[in-house]
PDB file of N, CA and C in Angstrom:
ATOM      1  N   SER A   1     100.120  88.869  67.542  1.00  0.00           N
ATOM      2  CA  SER A   1      98.646  87.868  67.977  1.00  0.00           C
ATOM      3  C   SER A   1      97.747  88.889  68.917  1.00  0.00           C
ATOM      4  N   GLU A   2      96.590  88.319  69.084  1.00  0.00           N
ATOM      5  CA  GLU A   2      95.725  89.248  69.630  1.00  0.00           C
ATOM      6  C   GLU A   2      96.032  88.972  71.314  1.00  0.00           C
ATOM      7  N   TYR A   3      96.665  87.854  71.529  1.00  0.00           N
ATOM      8  CA  TYR A   3      97.112  87.580  72.984  1.00  0.00           C
ATOM      9  C   TYR A   3      98.039  88.616  73.509  1.00  0.00           C
ATOM     10  N   ARG A   4      99.126  89.024  72.634  1.00  0.00           N
ATOM     11  CA  ARG A   4     100.260  89.896  72.874  1.00  0.00           C
ATOM     12  C   ARG A   4      99.649  91.521  72.860  1.00  0.00           C
ATOM     13  N   ARG A   5      98.744  91.628  71.971  1.00  0.00           N
ATOM     14  CA  ARG A   5      98.112  92.684  71.769  1.00  0.00           C
ATOM     15  C   ARG A   5      97.648  93.202  73.106  1.00  0.00           C
ATOM     16  N   GLN A   6      96.935  92.309  73.625  1.00  0.00           N
ATOM     17  CA  GLN A   6      96.030  92.543  75.005  1.00  0.00           C
ATOM     18  C   GLN A   6      96.761  92.805  75.957  1.00  0.00           C
ATOM     19  N   ILE A   7      97.886  91.803  76.086  1.00  0.00           N
ATOM     20  CA  ILE A   7      98.795  91.966  77.317  1.00  0.00           C
ATOM     21  C   ILE A   7      99.524  93.349  76.989  1.00  0.00           C
ATOM     22  N   GLN A   8     100.038  93.952  75.987  1.00  0.00           N
ATOM     23  CA  GLN A   8     100.489  95.086  75.929  1.00  0.00           C
ATOM     24  C   GLN A   8      99.605  96.138  76.244  1.00  0.00           C
ATOM     25  N   SER A   9      98.069  96.062  76.057  1.00  0.00           N
ATOM     26  CA  SER A   9      97.288  97.070  76.400  1.00  0.00           C
ATOM     27  C   SER A   9      97.122  97.022  77.869  1.00  0.00           C
ATOM     28  N   LEU A  10      96.946  95.878  78.457  1.00  0.00           N
ATOM     29  CA  LEU A  10      96.927  95.784  80.141  1.00  0.00           C
ATOM     30  C   LEU A  10      98.044  96.471  80.659  1.00  0.00           C
ATOM     31  N   THR A  11      99.171  95.760  80.100  1.00  0.00           N
ATOM     32  CA  THR A  11     100.524  96.591  80.875  1.00  0.00           C
ATOM     33  C   THR A  11     100.435  98.182  80.788  1.00  0.00           C
ATOM     34  N   CYS A  12     100.117  98.870  79.669  1.00  0.00           N
ATOM     35  CA  CYS A  12      99.711 100.094  79.614  1.00  0.00           C
ATOM     36  C   CYS A  12      98.841 100.771  80.557  1.00  0.00           C
ATOM     37  N   GLU A  13      97.822 100.217  80.831  1.00  0.00           N
ATOM     38  CA  GLU A  13      96.841 100.362  81.678  1.00  0.00           C
ATOM     39  C   GLU A  13      97.427 100.395  83.054  1.00  0.00           C
ATOM     40  N   VAL A  14      98.091  99.394  83.398  1.00  0.00           N
ATOM     41  CA  VAL A  14      98.704  99.307  84.393  1.00  0.00           C
ATOM     42  C   VAL A  14      99.736 100.197  85.095  1.00  0.00           C
ATOM     43  N   ASP A  15     100.483 100.688  84.095  1.00  0.00           N
ATOM     44  CA  ASP A  15     101.512 101.756  84.023  1.00  0.00           C
ATOM     45  C   ASP A  15     100.649 103.186  84.428  1.00  0.00           C
ATOM     46  N   ALA A  16      99.732 103.239  83.899  1.00  0.00           N
ATOM     47  CA  ALA A  16      99.082 104.450  83.822  1.00  0.00           C
ATOM     48  C   ALA A  16      98.316 104.558  85.197  1.00  0.00           C
ATOM     49  N   LEU A  17      97.731 103.530  85.800  1.00  0.00           N
ATOM     50  CA  LEU A  17      97.179 103.391  87.094  1.00  0.00           C
ATOM     51  C   LEU A  17      98.362 103.545  88.138  1.00  0.00           C
ATOM     52  N   LYS A  18      99.596 102.995  87.859  1.00  0.00           N
ATOM     53  CA  LYS A  18     100.566 103.290  88.923  1.00  0.00           C
ATOM     54  C   LYS A  18     100.918 104.841  88.978  1.00  0.00           C
ATOM     55  N   GLY A  19     100.956 105.498  87.900  1.00  0.00           N
ATOM     56  CA  GLY A  19     101.231 106.989  87.969  1.00  0.00           C
ATOM     57  C   GLY A  19     100.056 107.691  88.641  1.00  0.00           C
ATOM     58  N   THR A  20      98.819 107.210  88.507  1.00  0.00           N
ATOM     59  CA  THR A  20      97.665 107.974  89.076  1.00  0.00           C
ATOM     60  C   THR A  20      97.977 107.505  90.569  1.00  0.00           C
ATOM     61  N   ASN A  21      98.233 106.287  90.978  1.00  0.00           N
ATOM     62  CA  ASN A  21      98.443 105.979  92.365  1.00  0.00           C
ATOM     63  C   ASN A  21      99.362 106.934  92.922  1.00  0.00           C
ATOM     64  N   GLU A  22     100.438 106.819  92.326  1.00  0.00           N
ATOM     65  CA  GLU A  22     101.696 107.663  92.877  1.00  0.00           C
ATOM     66  C   GLU A  22     101.022 109.298  93.112  1.00  0.00           C
ATOM     67  N   SER A  23     100.330 109.872  92.114  1.00  0.00           N
ATOM     68  CA  SER A  23      99.943 110.958  92.182  1.00  0.00           C
ATOM     69  C   SER A  23      99.073 111.375  93.271  1.00  0.00           C
ATOM     70  N   LEU A  24      97.978 110.389  93.604  1.00  0.00           N
ATOM     71  CA  LEU A  24      97.022 110.467  94.622  1.00  0.00           C
ATOM     72  C   LEU A  24      97.881 110.405  96.193  1.00  0.00           C
ATOM     73  N   GLU A  25      99.079 109.402  96.043  1.00  0.00           N
ATOM     74  CA  GLU A  25      99.725 109.334  97.411  1.00  0.00           C
ATOM     75  C   GLU A  25     100.478 110.550  97.674  1.00  0.00           C
ATOM     76  N   ARG A  26     100.960 111.281  96.554  1.00  0.00           N
ATOM     77  CA  ARG A  26     101.527 112.427  97.009  1.00  0.00           C
ATOM     78  C   ARG A  26     100.654 113.521  97.335  1.00  0.00           C
ATOM     79  N   GLN A  27      99.559 113.520  96.874  1.00  0.00           N
ATOM     80  CA  GLN A  27      98.367 114.408  97.302  1.00  0.00           C
ATOM     81  C   GLN A  27      97.911 114.274  98.744  1.00  0.00           C
ATOM     82  N   MET A  28      97.669 112.781  99.031  1.00  0.00           N
ATOM     83  CA  MET A  28      97.305 112.587 100.520  1.00  0.00           C
ATOM     84  C   MET A  28      98.508 113.080 101.509  1.00  0.00           C
ATOM     85  N   ARG A  29      99.751 112.943 101.240  1.00  0.00           N
ATOM     86  CA  ARG A  29     100.983 113.354 102.018  1.00  0.00           C
ATOM     87  C   ARG A  29     100.822 114.717 102.073  1.00  0.00           C
ATOM     88  N   GLU A  30     100.780 115.599 101.165  1.00  0.00           N
ATOM     89  CA  GLU A  30     100.574 117.006 101.315  1.00  0.00           C
ATOM     90  C   GLU A  30      99.300 117.274 101.936  1.00  0.00           C
ATOM     91  N   MET A  31      98.064 116.695 101.747  1.00  0.00           N
ATOM     92  CA  MET A  31      97.025 116.930 102.694  1.00  0.00           C
ATOM     93  C   MET A  31      97.321 116.628 104.043  1.00  0.00           C
ATOM     94  N   GLU A  32      97.776 115.451 104.505  1.00  0.00           N
ATOM     95  CA  GLU A  32      98.165 115.376 105.631  1.00  0.00           C
ATOM     96  C   GLU A  32      99.025 116.258 106.539  1.00  0.00           C
ATOM     97  N   ASP A  33     100.196 116.915 105.680  1.00  0.00           N
ATOM     98  CA  ASP A  33     100.938 117.874 106.208  1.00  0.00           C
ATOM     99  C   ASP A  33     100.219 118.971 106.645  1.00  0.00           C
ATOM    100  N   ALA A  34      99.394 119.316 105.583  1.00  0.00           N
ATOM    101  CA  ALA A  34      98.568 120.664 105.744  1.00  0.00           C
ATOM    102  C   ALA A  34      97.678 120.605 106.988  1.00  0.00           C
ATOM    103  N   PHE A  35      97.190 119.219 107.061  1.00  0.00           N
ATOM    104  CA  PHE A  35      96.230 119.327 108.613  1.00  0.00           C
ATOM    105  C   PHE A  35      96.923 119.479 109.775  1.00  0.00           C
ATOM    106  N   GLY A  36      98.062 118.513 109.564  1.00  0.00           N
ATOM    107  CA  GLY A  36      98.977 118.416 110.565  1.00  0.00           C
ATOM    108  C   GLY A  36      99.301 120.071 111.177  1.00  0.00           C
ATOM    109  N   VAL A  37      99.592 120.864 110.220  1.00  0.00           N
ATOM    110  CA  VAL A  37      99.775 122.198 110.612  1.00  0.00           C
ATOM    111  C   VAL A  37      98.619 122.949 110.927  1.00  0.00           C
ATOM    112  N   GLU A  38      97.557 122.632 110.563  1.00  0.00           N
ATOM    113  CA  GLU A  38      96.433 123.262 111.014  1.00  0.00           C
ATOM    114  C   GLU A  38      95.888 122.992 112.180  1.00  0.00           C
ATOM    115  N   ALA A  39      96.021 121.606 112.626  1.00  0.00           N
ATOM    116  CA  ALA A  39      95.836 121.137 113.895  1.00  0.00           C
ATOM    117  C   ALA A  39      96.688 121.582 114.837  1.00  0.00           C
ATOM    118  N   ALA A  40      97.946 121.695 114.672  1.00  0.00           N
ATOM    119  CA  ALA A  40      98.853 122.255 115.500  1.00  0.00           C
ATOM    120  C   ALA A  40      98.665 123.810 115.514  1.00  0.00           C
ATOM    121  N   ASN A  41      97.985 124.521 114.744  1.00  0.00           N
ATOM    122  CA  ASN A  41      97.703 126.159 114.800  1.00  0.00           C
ATOM    123  C   ASN A  41      96.606 126.103 115.933  1.00  0.00           C
ATOM    124  N   TYR A  42      95.342 125.017 115.679  1.00  0.00           N
ATOM    125  CA  TYR A  42      94.311 124.890 116.611  1.00  0.00           C
ATOM    126  C   TYR A  42      94.605 124.555 118.043  1.00  0.00           C
ATOM    127  N   GLN A  43      95.862 123.766 118.232  1.00  0.00           N
ATOM    128  CA  GLN A  43      96.242 123.451 119.391  1.00  0.00           C
ATOM    129  C   GLN A  43      97.149 124.872 120.251  1.00  0.00           C
ATOM    130  N   ASP A  44      97.552 125.600 119.369  1.00  0.00           N
ATOM    131  CA  ASP A  44      98.301 126.662 119.875  1.00  0.00           C
ATOM    132  C   ASP A  44      97.147 127.696 120.540  1.00  0.00           C
ATOM    133  N   SER A  45      96.283 127.929 119.374  1.00  0.00           N
ATOM    134  CA  SER A  45      94.966 128.802 119.670  1.00  0.00           C
ATOM    135  C   SER A  45      94.314 128.305 121.378  1.00  0.00           C
ATOM    136  N   ILE A  46      93.984 127.082 121.334  1.00  0.00           N
ATOM    137  CA  ILE A  46      93.419 126.288 122.515  1.00  0.00           C
ATOM    138  C   ILE A  46      94.216 126.775 123.697  1.00  0.00           C
ATOM    139  N   ALA A  47      95.591 126.399 123.601  1.00  0.00           N
ATOM    140  CA  ALA A  47      96.483 126.681 124.856  1.00  0.00           C
ATOM    141  C   ALA A  47      96.466 128.164 125.145  1.00  0.00           C
ATOM    142  N   ARG A  48      96.483 129.397 124.251  1.00  0.00           N
ATOM    143  CA  ARG A  48      96.287 130.289 124.552  1.00  0.00           C
ATOM    144  C   ARG A  48      95.185 131.015 125.186  1.00  0.00           C
ATOM    145  N   LEU A  49      94.029 130.254 124.629  1.00  0.00           N
ATOM    146  CA  LEU A  49      92.844 130.808 125.285  1.00  0.00           C
ATOM    147  C   LEU A  49      92.776 130.218 126.705  1.00  0.00           C
ATOM    148  N   GLN A  50      93.092 129.090 126.986  1.00  0.00           N
ATOM    149  CA  GLN A  50      93.120 128.445 128.463  1.00  0.00           C
ATOM    150  C   GLN A  50      94.055 129.206 129.318  1.00  0.00           C
ATOM    151  N   GLU A  51      95.043 130.047 128.620  1.00  0.00           N
ATOM    152  CA  GLU A  51      95.908 130.804 129.906  1.00  0.00           C
ATOM    153  C   GLU A  51      95.075 132.114 130.147  1.00  0.00           C
ATOM    154  N   GLU A  52      94.243 132.511 129.307  1.00  0.00           N
ATOM    155  CA  GLU A  52      93.542 133.969 129.467  1.00  0.00           C
ATOM    156  C   GLU A  52      92.838 133.743 130.915  1.00  0.00           C
TER     157      GLU A  52
END
């Protein structure tokens, strides 16, 4: 029936969006890690410059 087809279509859409969401969350964690490393490097540079 039309109702069942619509549910199936929406279920596929939800599954696809879940996949997109997981991918974006993974990218966000990777960026947070990279920015954390970058910030730590800046802190090291600041500490070295303050020692001079």
